[in-house]
Amino acid sequence: QVQLVESGGGLVQPGGSLRLSCAASGFPFSNYAMRWYRQAPGKERELVARISTLGGSTNYADSMKGRFTISRDNAKNTVYLQMNSLKPEDTAVYYCKTQVGGIDYWGQGTQVTVSS
């Protein structure tokens, strides 16, 4: 079955960096685009970034452009989110997502807290 497992979250000071990972299994990872979303307390889940199957195409939400970088390693079935220049408003649970056979699959999420 499709499984997505995020890791790498934690507490970081404003201006700091984190790299999130999402390990995928149960489907042919290199055939599917991957996305990162986040959900802050009291807010709707929002798209952070998307990466194409081979990583040649990436898209970002406006507020993340220039600070976040999505990448993937198809040999390791893993997608990453490098987050730099973090701000308190980046505090959220971060999720990876894919769609296989028309069904959305989500990981359990990893908490990122940006605070001094």
Protein backbone atom coordinates (compact mmCIF):
# COMPACT_ATOMS: atom_id res chain seq x y z
CA GLN A 1 0.00 0.00 0.00
CA VAL A 2 1.03 3.59 -0.54
CA GLN A 3 2.91 5.02 2.41
CA LEU A 4 4.43 8.45 2.91
CA VAL A 5 6.51 9.15 6.00
CA GLU A 6 7.74 12.66 6.74
CA SER A 7 10.65 13.52 9.00
CA GLY A 8 12.99 16.38 9.78
CA GLY A 9 10.71 18.82 11.54
CA GLY A 10 11.55 20.54 14.78
CA LEU A 11 12.08 23.81 16.57
CA VAL A 12 14.23 26.40 14.80
CA GLN A 13 14.96 30.07 15.41
CA PRO A 14 13.83 32.72 12.93
CA GLY A 15 16.27 32.89 10.05
CA GLY A 16 17.26 29.28 10.50
CA SER A 17 16.97 26.30 8.17
CA LEU A 18 15.47 22.84 8.15
CA ARG A 19 15.34 20.04 5.62
CA LEU A 20 12.26 17.87 5.57
CA SER A 21 12.21 14.41 4.05
CA CYS A 22 9.33 12.28 2.84
CA ALA A 23 10.06 8.59 2.30
CA ALA A 24 7.64 6.91 -0.10
CA SER A 25 6.78 3.27 -0.62
CA GLY A 26 4.12 1.08 -2.18
CA PHE A 27 4.02 2.71 -5.61
CA PRO A 28 6.44 3.47 -8.48
CA PHE A 29 7.74 6.68 -6.99
CA SER A 30 9.55 7.99 -10.08
CA ASN A 31 6.30 7.95 -12.06
CA TYR A 32 4.49 10.42 -9.85
CA ALA A 33 4.69 14.10 -9.07
CA MET A 34 5.02 14.95 -5.41
CA ARG A 35 3.79 17.87 -3.35
CA TRP A 36 4.45 19.44 0.02
CA TYR A 37 1.60 21.12 1.90
CA ARG A 38 1.42 22.77 5.27
CA GLN A 39 -1.29 23.58 7.78
CA ALA A 40 -0.90 26.21 10.44
CA PRO A 41 -3.12 26.27 13.55
CA GLY A 42 -6.56 27.60 12.68
CA LYS A 43 -5.79 27.80 8.99
CA GLU A 44 -6.55 25.72 5.93
CA ARG A 45 -3.99 23.39 4.46
CA GLU A 46 -2.03 25.13 1.72
CA LEU A 47 0.22 24.00 -1.11
CA VAL A 48 3.89 24.74 -0.52
CA ALA A 49 5.64 23.20 -3.51
CA ARG A 50 5.32 20.65 -6.28
CA ILE A 51 7.93 18.65 -8.17
CA SER A 52 7.53 16.68 -11.38
CA THR A 53 8.40 13.03 -11.81
CA LEU A 54 12.04 13.55 -12.77
CA GLY A 55 12.48 16.77 -10.84
CA GLY A 56 12.84 18.95 -13.89
CA SER A 57 9.86 21.10 -13.06
CA THR A 58 9.12 22.71 -9.72
CA ASN A 59 6.49 25.16 -8.54
CA TYR A 60 6.18 27.14 -5.32
CA ALA A 61 3.64 29.19 -3.49
CA ASP A 62 4.54 32.85 -3.73
CA SER A 63 5.44 33.23 -0.07
CA MET A 64 7.99 30.38 -0.31
CA LYS A 65 9.74 31.37 -3.53
CA GLY A 66 13.42 31.99 -2.99
CA ARG A 67 13.39 30.47 0.50
CA PHE A 68 12.20 26.88 -0.03
CA THR A 69 13.54 24.28 -2.45
CA ILE A 70 11.81 21.03 -3.31
CA SER A 71 13.88 18.16 -4.68
CA ARG A 72 13.68 14.41 -5.05
CA ASP A 73 15.93 11.38 -5.19
CA ASN A 74 14.15 8.72 -7.19
CA ALA A 75 16.79 6.14 -6.29
CA LYS A 76 15.86 6.61 -2.63
CA ASN A 77 12.11 7.12 -3.18
CA THR A 78 12.38 10.33 -1.21
CA VAL A 79 11.26 13.91 -1.71
CA TYR A 80 12.83 16.77 0.23
CA LEU A 81 11.94 20.28 1.22
CA GLN A 82 14.85 22.55 2.07
CA MET A 83 13.59 25.54 4.03
CA ASN A 84 15.83 28.56 4.56
CA SER A 85 15.28 31.98 6.13
CA LEU A 86 12.46 30.57 8.20
CA LYS A 87 9.92 32.94 9.70
CA PRO A 88 7.51 32.49 12.62
CA GLU A 89 4.67 32.40 10.09
CA ASP A 90 6.20 29.24 8.60
CA THR A 91 5.18 27.40 11.77
CA ALA A 92 2.89 24.57 10.69
CA VAL A 93 2.57 20.85 10.22
CA TYR A 94 4.13 19.95 6.90
CA TYR A 95 2.75 17.08 4.82
CA CYS A 96 3.81 15.38 1.63
CA LYS A 97 1.20 14.19 -0.80
CA THR A 98 0.86 12.23 -3.99
CA GLN A 99 -2.01 11.06 -6.12
CA VAL A 100 -2.06 7.48 -7.34
CA GLY A 101 -4.94 6.05 -9.34
CA GLY A 102 -6.97 9.16 -8.65
CA ILE A 103 -6.62 8.78 -4.88
CA ASP A 104 -4.81 11.33 -2.73
CA TYR A 105 -2.32 9.90 -0.26
CA TRP A 106 -0.93 11.93 2.63
CA GLY A 107 1.78 11.39 5.15
CA GLN A 108 1.23 11.86 8.86
CA GLY A 109 2.96 15.24 8.85
CA THR A 110 5.95 16.70 10.64
CA GLN A 111 5.77 19.72 12.93
CA VAL A 112 7.90 22.77 12.16
CA THR A 113 8.02 25.49 14.79
CA VAL A 114 9.86 28.73 14.15
CA SER A 115 10.36 30.64 17.37
CA SER A 116 13.03 32.40 19.38
